């Protein structure tokens, strides 16, 4: 089970790094004139998908608590 947890943590770190990279790419694209709206939209969509996946993986690491 520890191997699974470590794999999830490694995947989380990888996704967070990709999320930061996308953030930087989006910032660079918004500074360009003329703006590449299609590319910007795709990057934002990918960034949102990564954010959702990170949240899902972080929730999977939390133990189930029976209230």
C-alpha atoms as a PDB file:
ATOM      1  CA  UNK A   1       0.000   0.000   0.000  1.00  0.00           C
ATOM      2  CA  UNK A   2       2.887   2.367   0.704  1.00  0.00           C
ATOM      3  CA  UNK A   3       4.000   1.918  -2.886  1.00  0.00           C
ATOM      4  CA  UNK A   4       0.593   3.149  -4.067  1.00  0.00           C
ATOM      5  CA  UNK A   5       0.757   6.188  -1.802  1.00  0.00           C
ATOM      6  CA  UNK A   6       4.250   7.031  -2.995  1.00  0.00           C
ATOM      7  CA  UNK A   7       3.178   6.651  -6.630  1.00  0.00           C
ATOM      8  CA  UNK A   8       0.225   8.986  -6.062  1.00  0.00           C
ATOM      9  CA  UNK A   9       2.472  11.533  -4.332  1.00  0.00           C
ATOM     10  CA  UNK A  10       4.962  11.388  -7.200  1.00  0.00           C
ATOM     11  CA  UNK A  11       2.147  11.851  -9.722  1.00  0.00           C
ATOM     12  CA  UNK A  12       0.852  14.810  -7.691  1.00  0.00           C
ATOM     13  CA  UNK A  13       4.233  16.509  -7.771  1.00  0.00           C
ATOM     14  CA  UNK A  14       4.473  15.951 -11.505  1.00  0.00           C
ATOM     15  CA  UNK A  15       1.007  17.402 -12.093  1.00  0.00           C
ATOM     16  CA  UNK A  16       1.700  20.408  -9.877  1.00  0.00           C
ATOM     17  CA  UNK A  17       4.879  21.130 -11.824  1.00  0.00           C
ATOM     18  CA  UNK A  18       2.962  20.910 -15.109  1.00  0.00           C
ATOM     19  CA  UNK A  19       0.305  23.228 -13.667  1.00  0.00           C
ATOM     20  CA  UNK A  20       2.974  25.823 -12.796  1.00  0.00           C
ATOM     21  CA  UNK A  21       4.493  25.497 -16.262  1.00  0.00           C
ATOM     22  CA  UNK A  22       1.105  26.051 -17.877  1.00  0.00           C
ATOM     23  CA  UNK A  23       0.583  29.109 -15.694  1.00  0.00           C
ATOM     24  CA  UNK A  24       3.838  30.580 -16.988  1.00  0.00           C
ATOM     25  CA  UNK A  25       2.954  29.719 -20.600  1.00  0.00           C
ATOM     26  CA  UNK A  26      -0.451  31.375 -20.212  1.00  0.00           C
ATOM     27  CA  UNK A  27       1.201  34.505 -18.812  1.00  0.00           C
ATOM     28  CA  UNK A  28       3.586  34.634 -21.779  1.00  0.00           C
ATOM     29  CA  UNK A  29       0.756  34.192 -24.278  1.00  0.00           C
ATOM     30  CA  UNK A  30      -1.348  36.944 -22.733  1.00  0.00           C
ATOM     31  CA  UNK A  31       1.585  39.345 -23.102  1.00  0.00           C
ATOM     32  CA  UNK A  32       1.879  38.678 -26.838  1.00  0.00           C
ATOM     33  CA  UNK A  33       0.268  40.960 -29.378  1.00  0.00           C
ATOM     34  CA  UNK A  34      -1.811  39.744 -31.112  1.00  0.00           C
ATOM     35  CA  UNK A  35      -2.971  37.206 -28.580  1.00  0.00           C
ATOM     36  CA  UNK A  36      -3.346  33.589 -29.685  1.00  0.00           C
ATOM     37  CA  UNK A  37      -6.842  33.067 -28.284  1.00  0.00           C
ATOM     38  CA  UNK A  38      -7.202  29.459 -29.393  1.00  0.00           C
ATOM     39  CA  UNK A  39      -3.870  28.450 -27.888  1.00  0.00           C
ATOM     40  CA  UNK A  40      -4.674  30.364 -24.724  1.00  0.00           C
ATOM     41  CA  UNK A  41      -8.035  28.641 -24.418  1.00  0.00           C
ATOM     42  CA  UNK A  42      -6.445  25.200 -24.836  1.00  0.00           C
ATOM     43  CA  UNK A  43      -3.803  25.925 -22.198  1.00  0.00           C
ATOM     44  CA  UNK A  44      -6.421  27.157 -19.740  1.00  0.00           C
ATOM     45  CA  UNK A  45      -8.568  24.075 -20.344  1.00  0.00           C
ATOM     46  CA  UNK A  46      -5.576  21.778 -19.760  1.00  0.00           C
ATOM     47  CA  UNK A  47      -4.648  23.716 -16.613  1.00  0.00           C
ATOM     48  CA  UNK A  48      -8.187  23.308 -15.254  1.00  0.00           C
ATOM     49  CA  UNK A  49      -8.166  19.576 -16.015  1.00  0.00           C
ATOM     50  CA  UNK A  50      -4.879  19.222 -14.141  1.00  0.00           C
ATOM     51  CA  UNK A  51      -6.271  21.187 -11.197  1.00  0.00           C
ATOM     52  CA  UNK A  52      -9.263  18.830 -11.033  1.00  0.00           C
ATOM     53  CA  UNK A  53      -7.015  15.769 -11.212  1.00  0.00           C
ATOM     54  CA  UNK A  54      -4.765  17.139  -8.453  1.00  0.00           C
ATOM     55  CA  UNK A  55      -7.803  17.670  -6.218  1.00  0.00           C
ATOM     56  CA  UNK A  56      -9.027  14.135  -6.917  1.00  0.00           C
ATOM     57  CA  UNK A  57      -5.628  12.602  -6.129  1.00  0.00           C
ATOM     58  CA  UNK A  58      -5.253  14.654  -2.955  1.00  0.00           C
ATOM     59  CA  UNK A  59      -8.674  13.480  -1.819  1.00  0.00           C
ATOM     60  CA  UNK A  60      -7.688   9.876  -2.496  1.00  0.00           C
ATOM     61  CA  UNK A  61      -4.787  10.263  -0.058  1.00  0.00           C
ATOM     62  CA  UNK A  62      -7.086  11.339   2.770  1.00  0.00           C
ATOM     63  CA  UNK A  63      -8.408   8.524   4.945  1.00  0.00           C
ATOM     64  CA  UNK A  64     -12.132   7.863   4.918  1.00  0.00           C
ATOM     65  CA  UNK A  65     -13.698   9.162   8.123  1.00  0.00           C
ATOM     66  CA  UNK A  66     -16.981   7.685   9.230  1.00  0.00           C
ATOM     67  CA  UNK A  67     -18.948  10.366  11.039  1.00  0.00           C
END
